[in-house]
């Protein structure tokens, strides 16, 4: 009986020591303004967790500023290296950090959509990196560009 109890305690201690670490990320709710805190699991190697994987431009004016940003955190224990970012067409131009993103650091993938094209759009940005388990990530932008003669709301 003593052996079983000792073994159980040893296994329990081992499982607690190997529990996955987490980092907390806080962001504000768009609707209520309330702070929302979510735990981001730590990964072995480089990691990449986005605050949002979709940017909704909403309804924007023709030739409006088409620049937006995807914010992400390296949730790993090794530097994250973005090796490539590719828009789904020539109207979607991404930019990415050239230097490694250290563990726990935040960074930005910029995207510029050509708002000279009138109408609804849904485009993607493919991010290639050394992130453990998911070296390729697809991000989405969407919205509607109004024509010059359309009523503005």
Protein backbone atom coordinates (compact mmCIF):
# COMPACT_ATOMS: atom_id res chain seq x y z
CA UNK A 1 0.00 0.00 0.00
CA UNK A 2 2.88 2.37 0.85
CA UNK A 3 4.39 1.68 -2.58
CA UNK A 4 1.14 2.56 -4.34
CA UNK A 5 0.77 5.81 -2.41
CA UNK A 6 4.42 6.75 -2.99
CA UNK A 7 4.13 5.93 -6.68
CA UNK A 8 0.90 7.94 -6.97
CA UNK A 9 2.52 10.97 -5.32
CA UNK A 10 5.57 10.68 -7.59
CA UNK A 11 3.40 10.50 -10.72
CA UNK A 12 1.30 13.44 -9.56
CA UNK A 13 4.40 15.53 -8.89
CA UNK A 14 5.84 14.58 -12.28
CA UNK A 15 2.63 15.55 -14.09
CA UNK A 16 2.54 18.94 -12.35
CA UNK A 17 6.16 19.62 -13.22
CA UNK A 18 5.49 18.87 -16.90
CA UNK A 19 2.23 20.82 -17.13
CA UNK A 20 2.14 23.12 -20.14
CA UNK A 21 2.97 26.72 -19.33
CA UNK A 22 0.59 29.43 -20.48
CA UNK A 23 0.85 33.10 -21.27
CA UNK A 24 -2.12 35.38 -20.78
CA UNK A 25 -3.22 37.76 -23.48
CA UNK A 26 -5.66 40.58 -22.77
CA UNK A 27 -7.74 42.36 -25.35
CA UNK A 28 -10.83 44.53 -25.31
CA UNK A 29 -14.20 43.43 -26.56
CA UNK A 30 -15.31 45.60 -29.49
CA UNK A 31 -18.94 45.55 -28.36
CA UNK A 32 -18.61 46.11 -24.60
CA UNK A 33 -15.10 47.47 -24.15
CA UNK A 34 -14.57 44.89 -21.40
CA UNK A 35 -11.13 43.36 -20.99
CA UNK A 36 -10.97 39.70 -22.02
CA UNK A 37 -8.09 37.56 -20.80
CA UNK A 38 -7.31 34.27 -22.50
CA UNK A 39 -4.53 31.83 -21.80
CA UNK A 40 -2.19 31.06 -24.68
CA UNK A 41 -0.45 27.71 -24.33
CA UNK A 42 3.33 27.79 -24.54
CA UNK A 43 4.92 25.59 -27.18
CA UNK A 44 8.30 23.95 -27.50
CA UNK A 45 10.12 25.70 -30.33
CA UNK A 46 8.79 28.81 -32.06
CA UNK A 47 5.09 29.63 -31.89
CA UNK A 48 2.69 32.09 -33.49
CA UNK A 49 -0.67 33.08 -31.99
CA UNK A 50 -2.70 35.86 -33.63
CA UNK A 51 -5.03 38.20 -31.75
CA UNK A 52 -7.36 37.79 -34.74
CA UNK A 53 -6.93 35.77 -37.94
CA UNK A 54 -9.53 37.84 -39.82
CA UNK A 55 -9.66 41.58 -40.41
CA UNK A 56 -13.04 42.95 -41.45
CA UNK A 57 -12.63 46.31 -43.17
CA UNK A 58 -16.38 46.76 -43.08
CA UNK A 59 -17.70 49.17 -45.68
CA UNK A 60 -15.03 51.62 -46.79
CA UNK A 61 -14.83 54.43 -49.31
CA UNK A 62 -13.29 54.06 -52.75
CA UNK A 63 -9.53 54.83 -52.54
CA UNK A 64 -9.62 54.82 -48.70
CA UNK A 65 -6.57 53.79 -46.66
CA UNK A 66 -6.32 50.03 -47.13
CA UNK A 67 -3.60 49.42 -44.51
CA UNK A 68 -4.35 47.11 -41.57
CA UNK A 69 -2.31 44.99 -39.14
CA UNK A 70 -2.44 41.42 -37.84
CA UNK A 71 -0.88 41.37 -34.35
CA UNK A 72 0.66 38.14 -33.11
CA UNK A 73 2.76 36.80 -30.23
CA UNK A 74 5.57 34.25 -30.26
CA UNK A 75 4.22 31.81 -27.65
CA UNK A 76 7.20 29.49 -28.00
CA UNK A 77 10.53 29.21 -26.27
CA UNK A 78 12.65 29.82 -29.41
CA UNK A 79 12.80 32.79 -31.81
CA UNK A 80 10.12 32.87 -34.51
CA UNK A 81 11.29 33.57 -38.06
CA UNK A 82 8.80 34.62 -40.74
CA UNK A 83 10.25 33.31 -44.00
CA UNK A 84 7.51 34.47 -46.39
CA UNK A 85 4.19 36.31 -46.61
CA UNK A 86 2.12 36.07 -49.78
CA UNK A 87 -1.13 37.79 -50.72
CA UNK A 88 -3.73 35.83 -52.68
CA UNK A 89 -3.59 38.39 -55.49
CA UNK A 90 -1.74 41.53 -56.52
CA UNK A 91 -4.31 43.72 -54.75
CA UNK A 92 -3.28 42.36 -51.33
CA UNK A 93 0.27 43.25 -50.31
CA UNK A 94 1.60 41.94 -46.97
CA UNK A 95 4.67 43.09 -45.02
CA UNK A 96 6.37 41.14 -42.26
CA UNK A 97 9.20 41.49 -39.74
CA UNK A 98 12.62 40.65 -41.16
CA UNK A 99 14.27 39.97 -37.81
CA UNK A 100 13.46 37.03 -35.49
CA UNK A 101 10.63 37.55 -32.97
CA UNK A 102 11.86 36.56 -29.52
CA UNK A 103 9.83 34.30 -27.22
CA UNK A 104 6.98 36.26 -25.62
CA UNK A 105 7.37 39.22 -27.99
CA UNK A 106 4.59 40.70 -30.11
CA UNK A 107 4.97 41.61 -33.77
CA UNK A 108 2.85 42.69 -36.72
CA UNK A 109 2.08 41.41 -40.21
CA UNK A 110 0.94 44.44 -42.20
CA UNK A 111 -1.44 44.16 -45.12
CA UNK A 112 -2.50 46.75 -47.69
CA UNK A 113 -5.56 46.16 -49.82
CA UNK A 114 -5.97 48.14 -53.06
CA UNK A 115 -9.18 50.06 -52.34
CA UNK A 116 -9.41 51.34 -55.91
CA UNK A 117 -11.38 48.16 -56.69
CA UNK A 118 -15.10 48.65 -56.01
CA UNK A 119 -17.21 45.88 -54.49
CA UNK A 120 -17.05 43.14 -51.89
CA UNK A 121 -13.78 41.33 -51.34
CA UNK A 122 -12.36 38.41 -49.38
CA UNK A 123 -8.62 37.86 -49.73
CA UNK A 124 -5.98 35.86 -47.89
CA UNK A 125 -2.42 36.29 -46.71
CA UNK A 126 -0.36 33.12 -46.33
CA UNK A 127 2.37 33.34 -43.67
CA UNK A 128 5.24 30.84 -43.73
CA UNK A 129 7.47 30.53 -40.65
CA UNK A 130 9.38 28.16 -38.42
CA UNK A 131 6.39 27.88 -36.01
CA UNK A 132 6.22 24.44 -34.42
CA UNK A 133 3.35 22.32 -35.72
CA UNK A 134 1.92 25.01 -38.02
CA UNK A 135 4.60 26.51 -40.26
CA UNK A 136 1.94 27.88 -42.65
CA UNK A 137 -0.90 30.11 -41.46
CA UNK A 138 -3.64 31.63 -43.63
CA UNK A 139 -5.04 35.02 -42.57
CA UNK A 140 -8.14 36.63 -44.09
CA UNK A 141 -9.19 40.19 -44.94
CA UNK A 142 -12.68 41.09 -46.09
CA UNK A 143 -14.93 44.05 -46.64
CA UNK A 144 -16.72 46.13 -49.23
CA UNK A 145 -15.36 49.11 -51.16
CA UNK A 146 -18.07 51.61 -52.09
CA UNK A 147 -18.17 53.20 -55.55
CA UNK A 148 -17.84 56.98 -55.79
CA UNK A 149 -21.60 57.29 -56.43
CA UNK A 150 -22.68 54.99 -53.55
CA UNK A 151 -24.29 56.54 -50.44
CA UNK A 152 -21.98 56.61 -47.45
CA UNK A 153 -23.24 55.44 -44.09
